[in-house]
Amino acid sequence: MIDLHCHIDLHKNPGAVVAECVERRMYILSVTNTPSAWEGTASLAVDAPRIRTALGLHPQLAGERRSELALFDKLLPRTRYVGEIGLDGSPEFRGSWDSQLAVFTHVLDACARVGGRVLSIHSRRASAAVLDCLKTQTRAGLPILHWFSGTTRELDRAIELGCWFSVGPAMLCGDKGRALVAAMPRDRVITESDGPFAQIARAPLMPWDVESAVRQLADLWSMNVVEAGNIVHANLRSLIARSLTEI
């Protein structure tokens, strides 16, 4: 199983989550919301070779944590993965829009300077602006749009720009999410949980809940679960190969 976007450090018992992921032999991208959280989160997975920890500065925290960009730059050479980063155009975060843009631009430029990174990107109500930034800084790395919720026209643009997509059970529960995933290139789709933020029936999603996302993908792609799982695993291998050769 593969969870390409989860917040292990924000689960109630992160150590137990890591242990369960190791037991299940899961491949995990553990994202962080601030640079100051990265070292502690990375230490949780020091004995878990299938768990990678991404260095992030979440757009919802950009206004209050912009001062951590210097720490971001210092830590960036220590990881090939960056996230959660991006922009959030929701009404409650519009007041920090200028800071969000400044942080996201800085992060993309920093990634370009070090040869590119695998990027897990937040784009809620800001898909067009995120894509504008990616088009401006093409050397930032390999962009993966987490829980993409833009328009079909924006999806077409993201595909043209070479973006990948991480999708989870919560996204696949809704008609819009399913329609967007159905239009995504199958060879650029990987599963995620977005736990503990994403929930179903008020229960935070765990990394192993991506199993239900694979079942939903199988239904959407009109194939059996084994075939859908094989596609997702082939996509991870392709993603890793591209990250090693292109960035």
Protein backbone atom coordinates (compact mmCIF):
# COMPACT_ATOMS: atom_id res chain seq x y z
CA MET A 1 0.00 0.00 0.00
CA ILE A 2 1.05 3.56 -0.72
CA ASP A 3 0.18 6.77 1.13
CA LEU A 4 1.84 9.64 -0.66
CA HIS A 5 0.46 12.39 1.56
CA CYS A 6 -0.19 11.99 5.27
CA HIS A 7 0.60 13.92 8.45
CA ILE A 8 2.05 11.20 10.64
CA ASP A 9 3.28 13.67 13.26
CA LEU A 10 -0.24 15.00 13.83
CA HIS A 11 -1.87 11.66 14.60
CA LYS A 12 -2.66 11.05 18.28
CA ASN A 13 0.03 8.37 18.58
CA PRO A 14 2.51 8.89 15.73
CA GLY A 15 4.91 6.22 16.97
CA ALA A 16 2.18 3.59 16.83
CA VAL A 17 1.18 4.76 13.34
CA VAL A 18 4.77 4.39 12.15
CA ALA A 19 5.00 0.91 13.68
CA GLU A 20 1.79 -0.17 11.97
CA CYS A 21 2.98 1.22 8.62
CA VAL A 22 6.24 -0.72 8.99
CA GLU A 23 4.34 -3.89 9.89
CA ARG A 24 2.17 -3.48 6.80
CA ARG A 25 5.24 -2.70 4.64
CA MET A 26 3.67 0.53 3.43
CA TYR A 27 5.33 3.20 1.34
CA ILE A 28 4.69 6.56 3.00
CA LEU A 29 5.38 10.22 2.28
CA SER A 30 5.04 11.93 5.65
CA VAL A 31 4.50 15.64 5.02
CA THR A 32 5.13 18.43 7.50
CA ASN A 33 3.39 21.77 7.99
CA THR A 34 6.40 23.79 9.16
CA PRO A 35 10.18 23.54 8.77
CA SER A 36 10.55 23.42 12.55
CA ALA A 37 8.54 20.18 12.60
CA TRP A 38 10.73 18.38 10.07
CA GLU A 39 13.55 17.01 12.23
CA GLY A 40 11.22 15.64 14.89
CA THR A 41 8.95 14.08 12.29
CA ALA A 42 11.89 12.57 10.40
CA SER A 43 13.15 11.03 13.64
CA LEU A 44 9.90 9.08 13.96
CA ALA A 45 10.83 7.13 10.81
CA VAL A 46 14.58 6.77 11.32
CA ASP A 47 14.23 2.95 11.36
CA ALA A 48 11.53 2.85 8.67
CA PRO A 49 13.22 2.88 5.23
CA ARG A 50 9.90 2.93 3.36
CA ILE A 51 8.84 6.17 5.05
CA ARG A 52 10.16 9.46 3.68
CA THR A 53 9.65 12.78 5.44
CA ALA A 54 8.89 15.86 3.34
CA LEU A 55 9.95 19.38 4.33
CA GLY A 56 6.99 21.74 4.25
CA LEU A 57 5.49 25.12 5.01
CA HIS A 58 1.72 24.83 4.73
CA PRO A 59 -0.02 27.75 3.00
CA GLN A 60 -2.51 28.06 5.86
CA LEU A 61 0.46 28.81 8.15
CA ALA A 62 2.39 31.01 5.73
CA GLY A 63 1.34 34.26 7.38
CA GLU A 64 2.52 33.31 10.86
CA ARG A 65 5.47 31.07 9.92
CA ARG A 66 7.04 32.98 7.05
CA SER A 67 10.05 33.61 9.30
CA GLU A 68 10.87 29.89 9.04
CA LEU A 69 11.94 30.19 5.40
CA ALA A 70 15.57 30.51 6.48
CA LEU A 71 15.23 27.18 8.31
CA PHE A 72 13.57 25.69 5.23
CA ASP A 73 16.59 26.67 3.12
CA LYS A 74 18.96 25.19 5.69
CA LEU A 75 17.16 21.85 5.83
CA LEU A 76 16.36 21.50 2.12
CA PRO A 77 19.64 19.75 1.15
CA ARG A 78 18.77 16.94 3.61
CA THR A 79 15.64 15.68 1.81
CA ARG A 80 14.46 15.00 -1.74
CA TYR A 81 10.83 15.57 -0.77
CA VAL A 82 9.03 18.86 -0.12
CA GLY A 83 5.49 19.24 1.20
CA GLU A 84 3.01 20.29 2.26
CA ILE A 85 3.42 23.51 0.29
CA GLY A 86 1.19 25.52 -2.03
CA LEU A 87 -1.61 28.07 -1.88
CA ASP A 88 -5.05 28.21 -0.25
CA GLY A 89 -7.67 30.59 -1.59
CA SER A 90 -10.38 29.72 0.95
CA PRO A 91 -12.09 32.81 2.43
CA GLU A 92 -10.58 32.28 5.88
CA PHE A 93 -7.06 32.40 4.45
CA ARG A 94 -7.37 35.16 1.87
CA GLY A 95 -5.90 37.62 4.37
CA SER A 96 -2.54 35.85 4.14
CA TRP A 97 -2.55 35.58 0.34
CA ASP A 98 0.46 37.84 -0.19
CA SER A 99 2.47 35.87 2.36
CA GLN A 100 1.33 32.61 0.78
CA LEU A 101 2.54 33.72 -2.64
CA ALA A 102 5.84 34.92 -1.24
CA VAL A 103 6.42 31.64 0.62
CA PHE A 104 5.40 29.40 -2.28
CA THR A 105 7.54 31.34 -4.75
CA HIS A 106 10.50 31.21 -2.38
CA VAL A 107 10.10 27.45 -1.89
CA LEU A 108 9.89 26.76 -5.63
CA ASP A 109 12.94 28.93 -6.31
CA ALA A 110 14.89 27.24 -3.51
CA CYS A 111 14.03 23.81 -4.90
CA ALA A 112 15.15 24.88 -8.36
CA ARG A 113 18.50 26.06 -6.98
CA VAL A 114 19.23 22.63 -5.47
CA GLY A 115 18.29 20.72 -8.60
CA GLY A 116 14.60 20.07 -7.99
CA ARG A 117 12.56 18.09 -5.49
CA VAL A 118 9.45 15.89 -5.38
CA LEU A 119 6.72 18.36 -4.39
CA SER A 120 3.43 17.60 -2.60
CA ILE A 121 1.24 20.62 -3.30
CA HIS A 122 -1.93 22.02 -1.73
CA SER A 123 -4.14 23.99 -4.14
CA ARG A 124 -7.57 24.36 -2.53
CA ARG A 125 -9.46 27.17 -4.27
CA ALA A 126 -6.13 28.27 -5.75
CA SER A 127 -5.48 25.85 -8.58
CA ALA A 128 -4.96 28.51 -11.25
CA ALA A 129 -2.49 30.46 -9.12
CA VAL A 130 -0.57 27.29 -8.19
CA LEU A 131 -0.29 26.33 -11.85
CA ASP A 132 0.86 29.85 -12.74
CA CYS A 133 3.67 29.52 -10.20
CA LEU A 134 4.67 26.08 -11.48
CA LYS A 135 4.74 27.36 -15.05
CA THR A 136 6.94 30.27 -14.00
CA GLN A 137 9.42 28.04 -12.13
CA THR A 138 9.72 24.91 -14.25
CA ARG A 139 12.92 23.69 -12.56
CA ALA A 140 11.41 23.30 -9.08
CA GLY A 141 10.96 19.56 -9.53
CA LEU A 142 8.20 17.00 -9.93
CA PRO A 143 4.82 18.42 -8.82
CA ILE A 144 2.19 16.18 -7.23
CA LEU A 145 -1.13 17.93 -6.70
CA HIS A 146 -2.59 16.60 -3.46
CA TRP A 147 -6.41 16.32 -3.38
CA PHE A 148 -6.82 18.42 -6.53
CA SER A 149 -10.22 20.14 -6.55
CA GLY A 150 -10.01 22.62 -9.42
CA THR A 151 -12.05 22.84 -12.59
CA THR A 152 -11.78 20.42 -15.50
CA ARG A 153 -10.05 23.15 -17.51
CA GLU A 154 -7.50 23.59 -14.69
CA LEU A 155 -7.04 19.82 -14.60
CA ASP A 156 -6.26 19.82 -18.32
CA ARG A 157 -3.71 22.55 -17.71
CA ALA A 158 -2.14 20.63 -14.81
CA ILE A 159 -1.84 17.54 -16.98
CA GLU A 160 -0.19 19.61 -19.72
CA LEU A 161 2.30 20.96 -17.18
CA GLY A 162 3.27 17.38 -16.24
CA CYS A 163 1.66 17.29 -12.80
CA TRP A 164 0.96 14.07 -10.93
CA PHE A 165 -1.97 13.57 -8.56
CA SER A 166 -2.42 11.99 -5.12
CA VAL A 167 -6.00 10.97 -4.37
CA GLY A 168 -7.60 9.49 -1.28
CA PRO A 169 -10.78 7.92 0.10
CA ALA A 170 -12.32 11.24 1.12
CA MET A 171 -11.79 12.76 -2.33
CA LEU A 172 -13.20 9.66 -4.03
CA CYS A 173 -16.38 9.77 -1.95
CA GLY A 174 -17.73 12.79 -3.82
CA ASP A 175 -19.05 13.02 -7.37
CA LYS A 176 -16.76 15.93 -8.29
CA GLY A 177 -13.69 14.16 -6.95
CA ARG A 178 -14.53 10.97 -8.81
CA ALA A 179 -15.12 12.88 -12.04
CA LEU A 180 -11.75 14.63 -11.72
CA VAL A 181 -9.91 11.38 -10.97
CA ALA A 182 -11.60 9.69 -13.92
CA ALA A 183 -10.11 12.38 -16.16
CA MET A 184 -6.59 12.10 -14.74
CA PRO A 185 -3.95 10.07 -16.60
CA ARG A 186 -3.92 6.69 -14.87
CA ASP A 187 -0.13 6.57 -15.01
CA ARG A 188 0.11 9.71 -12.84
CA VAL A 189 -2.29 8.77 -10.02
CA ILE A 190 -1.06 7.62 -6.60
CA THR A 191 -3.03 7.03 -3.40
CA GLU A 192 -2.98 9.18 -0.26
CA SER A 193 -4.88 9.41 3.01
CA ASP A 194 -4.31 13.04 4.12
CA GLY A 195 -4.89 11.78 7.64
CA PRO A 196 -5.60 12.86 10.25
CA PHE A 197 -7.11 15.93 8.53
CA ALA A 198 -9.20 13.92 6.07
CA GLN A 199 -12.03 12.05 7.74
CA ILE A 200 -14.85 9.70 6.84
CA ALA A 201 -17.81 9.40 9.21
CA ARG A 202 -15.92 11.74 11.58
CA ALA A 203 -13.07 9.27 11.92
CA PRO A 204 -9.57 10.45 10.91
CA LEU A 205 -8.17 8.45 8.01
CA MET A 206 -5.14 6.29 8.74
CA PRO A 207 -2.42 5.52 6.18
CA TRP A 208 -3.73 1.99 5.63
CA ASP A 209 -7.14 3.38 4.72
CA VAL A 210 -5.67 3.96 1.25
CA GLU A 211 -6.78 0.38 0.65
CA SER A 212 -10.31 1.73 0.22
CA ALA A 213 -8.99 4.28 -2.30
CA VAL A 214 -7.59 1.43 -4.38
CA ARG A 215 -11.00 -0.25 -4.31
CA GLN A 216 -12.63 3.00 -5.41
CA LEU A 217 -10.09 3.42 -8.21
CA ALA A 218 -10.77 -0.12 -9.37
CA ASP A 219 -14.47 0.69 -9.61
CA LEU A 220 -13.77 3.96 -11.40
CA TRP A 221 -11.36 2.31 -13.86
CA SER A 222 -13.60 -0.73 -14.43
CA MET A 223 -11.04 -3.30 -13.30
CA ASN A 224 -10.40 -5.53 -10.32
CA VAL A 225 -8.66 -4.38 -7.16
CA VAL A 226 -5.43 -6.26 -7.91
CA GLU A 227 -5.12 -4.55 -11.30
CA ALA A 228 -5.75 -1.12 -9.79
CA GLY A 229 -3.21 -1.78 -7.06
CA ASN A 230 -0.65 -2.84 -9.64
CA ILE A 231 -1.14 0.43 -11.52
CA VAL A 232 -0.63 2.48 -8.36
CA HIS A 233 2.55 0.57 -7.48
CA ALA A 234 3.86 0.89 -11.04
CA ASN A 235 3.22 4.62 -10.80
CA LEU A 236 5.25 4.86 -7.59
CA ARG A 237 8.15 3.05 -9.24
CA SER A 238 7.93 5.42 -12.20
CA LEU A 239 7.78 8.46 -9.90
CA ILE A 240 10.87 7.33 -7.98
CA ALA A 241 12.75 6.58 -11.19
CA ARG A 242 11.94 10.00 -12.60
CA SER A 243 12.93 11.71 -9.37
CA LEU A 244 16.34 10.00 -9.50
CA THR A 245 17.03 10.79 -13.14
CA GLU A 246 15.40 14.18 -13.69
CA ILE A 247 15.98 16.05 -10.43
